[in-house]
Amino acid sequence: MFADDATMYLHITDDIDVAQLQQAVDALINWTNMWQLLISVNKCCVSLLNVDRVICNTSVNINGVVLPGVEHTRGVGVVISSDLSPSLHVNEIAAKAHKRASLIHKAFVCGNASVLLRA
């Protein structure tokens, strides 16, 4: 409904890359301040998307608030886990489908299979 999400990706191999990411975040914050847009810092996070964990300080901050590291995050409706496995996203979709099917089954008194399939 709203196009107000931003995602930054950077291949991090050392502390210089982390500094570049921090500079990019700072540039985004400066741009949002210039256009009087608010950033919900409590909704921001850092997710390391790799198998081999980087052995450097990957802390990134917005206005002095260090962003928490997370194991999974949602981007444009897709759950992305740090190991890039689709299982968390698939499990979430399957759970939603099961809930909807249960609601449909409870809503109809008729037990006719063709009616339930259409619903």
N, C-alpha and C. Protein backbone atom coordinates (compact mmCIF):
# COMPACT_ATOMS: atom_id res chain seq x y z
N MET A 1 0.81 -1.18 0.00
CA MET A 1 0.00 0.00 0.00
C MET A 1 0.86 1.26 0.00
N PHE A 2 1.97 1.21 0.70
CA PHE A 2 2.88 2.35 0.74
C PHE A 2 4.24 1.94 0.21
N ALA A 3 4.89 2.83 -0.48
CA ALA A 3 6.22 2.56 -1.00
C ALA A 3 7.22 3.34 -0.16
N ASP A 4 7.32 3.00 1.10
CA ASP A 4 8.19 3.75 1.99
C ASP A 4 9.28 2.89 2.61
N ASP A 5 9.52 1.72 2.05
CA ASP A 5 10.56 0.85 2.57
C ASP A 5 11.85 1.07 1.78
N ALA A 6 12.95 0.95 2.46
CA ALA A 6 14.26 1.04 1.81
C ALA A 6 15.11 -0.11 2.29
N THR A 7 15.86 -0.69 1.38
CA THR A 7 16.76 -1.78 1.71
C THR A 7 18.11 -1.47 1.08
N MET A 8 19.15 -1.68 1.85
CA MET A 8 20.51 -1.49 1.35
C MET A 8 21.24 -2.82 1.43
N TYR A 9 21.92 -3.15 0.35
CA TYR A 9 22.73 -4.37 0.32
C TYR A 9 24.17 -3.99 0.05
N LEU A 10 25.08 -4.67 0.72
CA LEU A 10 26.50 -4.44 0.47
C LEU A 10 27.26 -5.72 0.80
N HIS A 11 28.16 -6.07 -0.08
CA HIS A 11 29.02 -7.22 0.17
C HIS A 11 30.11 -6.77 1.13
N ILE A 12 30.07 -7.29 2.35
CA ILE A 12 30.99 -6.86 3.39
C ILE A 12 32.08 -7.91 3.58
N THR A 13 33.32 -7.45 3.41
CA THR A 13 34.46 -8.34 3.64
C THR A 13 35.38 -7.82 4.73
N ASP A 14 35.29 -6.51 5.03
CA ASP A 14 36.16 -5.95 6.06
C ASP A 14 35.52 -4.70 6.65
N ASP A 15 36.23 -4.05 7.55
CA ASP A 15 35.71 -2.87 8.23
C ASP A 15 35.50 -1.69 7.29
N ILE A 16 36.23 -1.64 6.19
CA ILE A 16 36.06 -0.56 5.22
C ILE A 16 34.68 -0.65 4.58
N ASP A 17 34.23 -1.86 4.29
CA ASP A 17 32.89 -2.05 3.72
C ASP A 17 31.81 -1.64 4.71
N VAL A 18 32.04 -1.93 5.99
CA VAL A 18 31.07 -1.51 7.02
C VAL A 18 31.01 0.00 7.08
N ALA A 19 32.15 0.66 6.96
CA ALA A 19 32.18 2.13 6.96
C ALA A 19 31.43 2.68 5.75
N GLN A 20 31.55 2.01 4.60
CA GLN A 20 30.81 2.44 3.41
C GLN A 20 29.31 2.28 3.62
N LEU A 21 28.90 1.20 4.27
CA LEU A 21 27.48 1.01 4.57
C LEU A 21 26.99 2.11 5.51
N GLN A 22 27.78 2.43 6.52
CA GLN A 22 27.40 3.50 7.44
C GLN A 22 27.29 4.83 6.70
N GLN A 23 28.18 5.09 5.76
CA GLN A 23 28.12 6.32 4.97
C GLN A 23 26.85 6.36 4.13
N ALA A 24 26.47 5.22 3.56
CA ALA A 24 25.24 5.15 2.76
C ALA A 24 24.02 5.40 3.63
N VAL A 25 24.01 4.83 4.83
CA VAL A 25 22.90 5.06 5.76
C VAL A 25 22.84 6.53 6.15
N ASP A 26 24.00 7.11 6.43
CA ASP A 26 24.04 8.54 6.78
C ASP A 26 23.54 9.41 5.64
N ALA A 27 23.89 9.05 4.40
CA ALA A 27 23.41 9.82 3.23
C ALA A 27 21.90 9.70 3.11
N LEU A 28 21.35 8.51 3.38
CA LEU A 28 19.90 8.33 3.34
C LEU A 28 19.23 9.16 4.41
N ILE A 29 19.79 9.18 5.61
CA ILE A 29 19.23 9.97 6.71
C ILE A 29 19.27 11.46 6.36
N ASN A 30 20.38 11.93 5.79
CA ASN A 30 20.47 13.33 5.38
C ASN A 30 19.41 13.67 4.34
N TRP A 31 19.20 12.76 3.38
CA TRP A 31 18.19 12.98 2.34
C TRP A 31 16.79 13.04 2.95
N THR A 32 16.50 12.12 3.88
CA THR A 32 15.17 12.13 4.49
C THR A 32 14.96 13.38 5.34
N ASN A 33 16.02 13.84 6.01
CA ASN A 33 15.90 15.08 6.78
C ASN A 33 15.66 16.27 5.88
N MET A 34 16.33 16.30 4.73
CA MET A 34 16.16 17.40 3.79
C MET A 34 14.71 17.47 3.28
N TRP A 35 14.10 16.32 3.07
CA TRP A 35 12.73 16.26 2.56
C TRP A 35 11.70 16.13 3.68
N GLN A 36 12.13 16.29 4.92
CA GLN A 36 11.28 16.25 6.10
C GLN A 36 10.48 14.95 6.21
N LEU A 37 11.16 13.85 5.93
CA LEU A 37 10.58 12.52 6.07
C LEU A 37 11.09 11.90 7.37
N LEU A 38 10.24 11.17 8.03
CA LEU A 38 10.62 10.54 9.29
C LEU A 38 11.06 9.10 9.07
N ILE A 39 12.10 8.71 9.79
CA ILE A 39 12.56 7.32 9.77
C ILE A 39 12.16 6.69 11.09
N SER A 40 11.50 5.54 11.03
CA SER A 40 11.16 4.78 12.24
C SER A 40 12.36 3.90 12.58
N VAL A 41 13.22 4.41 13.42
CA VAL A 41 14.45 3.70 13.75
C VAL A 41 14.13 2.35 14.40
N ASN A 42 13.02 2.29 15.14
CA ASN A 42 12.65 1.03 15.80
C ASN A 42 12.25 -0.06 14.80
N LYS A 43 12.00 0.30 13.54
CA LYS A 43 11.67 -0.69 12.51
C LYS A 43 12.88 -1.06 11.66
N CYS A 44 14.02 -0.43 11.92
CA CYS A 44 15.23 -0.68 11.14
C CYS A 44 16.06 -1.79 11.78
N CYS A 45 16.77 -2.54 10.93
CA CYS A 45 17.61 -3.62 11.44
C CYS A 45 18.72 -3.93 10.44
N VAL A 46 19.63 -4.78 10.88
CA VAL A 46 20.73 -5.25 10.05
C VAL A 46 20.64 -6.76 10.01
N SER A 47 20.72 -7.31 8.81
CA SER A 47 20.70 -8.75 8.65
C SER A 47 21.89 -9.16 7.80
N LEU A 48 22.71 -10.06 8.33
CA LEU A 48 23.85 -10.57 7.58
C LEU A 48 23.39 -11.77 6.77
N LEU A 49 23.39 -11.62 5.45
CA LEU A 49 22.89 -12.67 4.57
C LEU A 49 24.05 -13.46 3.98
N ASN A 50 24.61 -14.36 4.78
CA ASN A 50 25.68 -15.19 4.28
C ASN A 50 25.84 -16.42 5.15
N VAL A 51 26.61 -17.33 4.66
CA VAL A 51 26.87 -18.55 5.42
C VAL A 51 28.06 -18.32 6.34
N ASP A 52 29.12 -17.74 5.80
CA ASP A 52 30.32 -17.45 6.60
C ASP A 52 30.16 -16.09 7.24
N ARG A 53 30.08 -16.05 8.55
CA ARG A 53 29.91 -14.79 9.26
C ARG A 53 31.17 -13.94 9.12
N VAL A 54 30.99 -12.68 8.85
CA VAL A 54 32.10 -11.75 8.73
C VAL A 54 32.69 -11.50 10.11
N ILE A 55 34.01 -11.51 10.19
CA ILE A 55 34.66 -11.33 11.48
C ILE A 55 35.09 -9.86 11.62
N CYS A 56 34.13 -8.97 11.54
CA CYS A 56 34.40 -7.55 11.76
C CYS A 56 33.18 -6.95 12.44
N ASN A 57 33.35 -5.77 12.95
CA ASN A 57 32.26 -5.10 13.65
C ASN A 57 31.25 -4.60 12.61
N THR A 58 30.09 -5.19 12.58
CA THR A 58 29.08 -4.82 11.58
C THR A 58 27.99 -3.95 12.17
N SER A 59 28.30 -3.21 13.22
CA SER A 59 27.27 -2.36 13.81
C SER A 59 27.07 -1.10 12.97
N VAL A 60 25.81 -0.82 12.68
CA VAL A 60 25.41 0.35 11.91
C VAL A 60 24.44 1.13 12.77
N ASN A 61 24.51 2.45 12.73
CA ASN A 61 23.62 3.24 13.59
C ASN A 61 22.93 4.32 12.79
N ILE A 62 21.78 4.73 13.33
CA ILE A 62 21.03 5.87 12.80
C ILE A 62 20.88 6.86 13.94
N ASN A 63 21.46 8.03 13.75
CA ASN A 63 21.42 9.09 14.77
C ASN A 63 21.89 8.58 16.13
N GLY A 64 22.93 7.77 16.14
CA GLY A 64 23.49 7.26 17.39
C GLY A 64 22.82 6.02 17.94
N VAL A 65 21.72 5.58 17.34
CA VAL A 65 21.03 4.37 17.80
C VAL A 65 21.53 3.19 16.97
N VAL A 66 22.18 2.23 17.63
CA VAL A 66 22.71 1.07 16.93
C VAL A 66 21.57 0.17 16.50
N LEU A 67 21.57 -0.20 15.22
CA LEU A 67 20.51 -1.05 14.68
C LEU A 67 20.74 -2.49 15.11
N PRO A 68 19.68 -3.16 15.56
CA PRO A 68 19.84 -4.54 16.02
C PRO A 68 20.07 -5.50 14.85
N GLY A 69 20.83 -6.54 15.12
CA GLY A 69 21.01 -7.60 14.14
C GLY A 69 19.89 -8.61 14.25
N VAL A 70 19.37 -9.08 13.13
CA VAL A 70 18.27 -10.03 13.13
C VAL A 70 18.62 -11.25 12.28
N GLU A 71 17.99 -12.37 12.60
CA GLU A 71 18.21 -13.60 11.84
C GLU A 71 17.35 -13.67 10.59
N HIS A 72 16.21 -12.97 10.60
CA HIS A 72 15.35 -12.93 9.42
C HIS A 72 14.62 -11.61 9.39
N THR A 73 14.24 -11.21 8.18
CA THR A 73 13.52 -9.96 7.99
C THR A 73 12.55 -10.11 6.82
N ARG A 74 11.64 -9.18 6.71
CA ARG A 74 10.65 -9.23 5.64
C ARG A 74 10.95 -8.10 4.66
N GLY A 75 11.05 -8.46 3.39
CA GLY A 75 11.26 -7.48 2.34
C GLY A 75 10.26 -7.68 1.24
N VAL A 76 9.40 -6.72 1.02
CA VAL A 76 8.35 -6.76 -0.01
C VAL A 76 7.52 -8.04 0.13
N GLY A 77 7.17 -8.38 1.36
CA GLY A 77 6.30 -9.52 1.61
C GLY A 77 7.00 -10.87 1.65
N VAL A 78 8.30 -10.91 1.44
CA VAL A 78 9.04 -12.16 1.44
C VAL A 78 9.92 -12.20 2.68
N VAL A 79 9.85 -13.31 3.42
CA VAL A 79 10.70 -13.47 4.60
C VAL A 79 12.06 -13.97 4.13
N ILE A 80 13.10 -13.21 4.48
CA ILE A 80 14.46 -13.55 4.08
C ILE A 80 15.24 -13.90 5.34
N SER A 81 15.73 -15.12 5.40
CA SER A 81 16.51 -15.54 6.57
C SER A 81 17.99 -15.36 6.29
N SER A 82 18.78 -15.30 7.35
CA SER A 82 20.21 -15.03 7.20
C SER A 82 20.94 -16.12 6.42
N ASP A 83 20.40 -17.34 6.42
CA ASP A 83 21.04 -18.42 5.64
C ASP A 83 20.43 -18.56 4.25
N LEU A 84 19.54 -17.64 3.90
CA LEU A 84 18.87 -17.59 2.59
C LEU A 84 18.03 -18.83 2.30
N SER A 85 17.62 -19.54 3.33
CA SER A 85 16.76 -20.71 3.17
C SER A 85 15.31 -20.24 3.01
N PRO A 86 14.55 -20.84 2.08
CA PRO A 86 13.16 -20.43 1.88
C PRO A 86 12.19 -21.05 2.88
N SER A 87 12.65 -21.92 3.78
CA SER A 87 11.75 -22.69 4.64
C SER A 87 10.90 -21.80 5.55
N LEU A 88 11.45 -20.75 6.12
CA LEU A 88 10.68 -19.88 7.00
C LEU A 88 9.55 -19.20 6.24
N HIS A 89 9.84 -18.72 5.03
CA HIS A 89 8.83 -18.07 4.20
C HIS A 89 7.74 -19.07 3.78
N VAL A 90 8.15 -20.26 3.37
CA VAL A 90 7.19 -21.28 2.94
C VAL A 90 6.31 -21.71 4.11
N ASN A 91 6.90 -21.88 5.28
CA ASN A 91 6.12 -22.27 6.47
C ASN A 91 5.09 -21.20 6.83
N GLU A 92 5.48 -19.93 6.71
CA GLU A 92 4.55 -18.84 7.01
C GLU A 92 3.38 -18.83 6.03
N ILE A 93 3.64 -19.03 4.76
CA ILE A 93 2.57 -19.06 3.76
C ILE A 93 1.65 -20.26 3.98
N ALA A 94 2.24 -21.41 4.29
CA ALA A 94 1.43 -22.61 4.53
C ALA A 94 0.53 -22.42 5.76
N ALA A 95 1.05 -21.78 6.80
CA ALA A 95 0.25 -21.53 8.01
C ALA A 95 -0.93 -20.61 7.69
N LYS A 96 -0.69 -19.57 6.88
CA LYS A 96 -1.78 -18.67 6.50
C LYS A 96 -2.84 -19.40 5.68
N ALA A 97 -2.40 -20.24 4.76
CA ALA A 97 -3.34 -21.00 3.93
C ALA A 97 -4.17 -21.95 4.79
N HIS A 98 -3.54 -22.57 5.77
CA HIS A 98 -4.25 -23.49 6.66
C HIS A 98 -5.31 -22.74 7.47
N LYS A 99 -4.97 -21.55 7.96
CA LYS A 99 -5.93 -20.75 8.72
C LYS A 99 -7.13 -20.36 7.86
N ARG A 100 -6.87 -19.94 6.63
CA ARG A 100 -7.98 -19.56 5.73
C ARG A 100 -8.85 -20.75 5.39
N ALA A 101 -8.23 -21.90 5.14
CA ALA A 101 -9.01 -23.10 4.83
C ALA A 101 -9.88 -23.50 6.01
N SER A 102 -9.35 -23.35 7.22
CA SER A 102 -10.14 -23.68 8.42
C SER A 102 -11.32 -22.73 8.58
N LEU A 103 -11.10 -21.45 8.32
CA LEU A 103 -12.20 -20.48 8.41
C LEU A 103 -13.28 -20.78 7.37
N ILE A 104 -12.88 -21.11 6.17
CA ILE A 104 -13.86 -21.46 5.13
C ILE A 104 -14.65 -22.70 5.54
N HIS A 105 -13.94 -23.68 6.06
CA HIS A 105 -14.61 -24.92 6.46
C HIS A 105 -15.62 -24.68 7.57
N LYS A 106 -15.29 -23.80 8.51
CA LYS A 106 -16.19 -23.48 9.62
C LYS A 106 -17.37 -22.63 9.17
N ALA A 107 -17.17 -21.81 8.13
CA ALA A 107 -18.21 -20.87 7.70
C ALA A 107 -19.34 -21.56 6.94
N PHE A 108 -19.07 -22.69 6.32
CA PHE A 108 -20.09 -23.36 5.52
C PHE A 108 -20.68 -24.54 6.28
N VAL A 109 -22.01 -24.57 6.35
CA VAL A 109 -22.70 -25.69 6.97
C VAL A 109 -22.68 -26.89 6.04
N CYS A 110 -22.74 -26.61 4.75
CA CYS A 110 -22.76 -27.65 3.72
C CYS A 110 -21.42 -28.38 3.71
N GLY A 111 -21.45 -29.68 3.62
CA GLY A 111 -20.23 -30.47 3.56
C GLY A 111 -19.89 -30.92 2.16
N ASN A 112 -20.59 -30.32 1.16
CA ASN A 112 -20.35 -30.70 -0.23
C ASN A 112 -18.93 -30.28 -0.64
N ALA A 113 -18.15 -31.23 -1.13
CA ALA A 113 -16.76 -30.99 -1.47
C ALA A 113 -16.61 -29.97 -2.59
N SER A 114 -17.48 -29.99 -3.60
CA SER A 114 -17.35 -29.05 -4.73
C SER A 114 -17.65 -27.61 -4.27
N VAL A 115 -18.57 -27.44 -3.35
CA VAL A 115 -18.88 -26.10 -2.80
C VAL A 115 -17.70 -25.59 -1.99
N LEU A 116 -17.13 -26.46 -1.16
CA LEU A 116 -15.97 -26.06 -0.34
C LEU A 116 -14.76 -25.75 -1.20
N LEU A 117 -14.57 -26.50 -2.27
CA LEU A 117 -13.44 -26.21 -3.17
C LEU A 117 -13.59 -24.84 -3.84
N ARG A 118 -14.81 -24.50 -4.25
CA ARG A 118 -15.04 -23.19 -4.86
C ARG A 118 -14.79 -22.07 -3.85
N ALA A 119 -15.17 -22.30 -2.62
CA ALA A 119 -14.96 -21.28 -1.58
C ALA A 119 -13.48 -21.12 -1.31
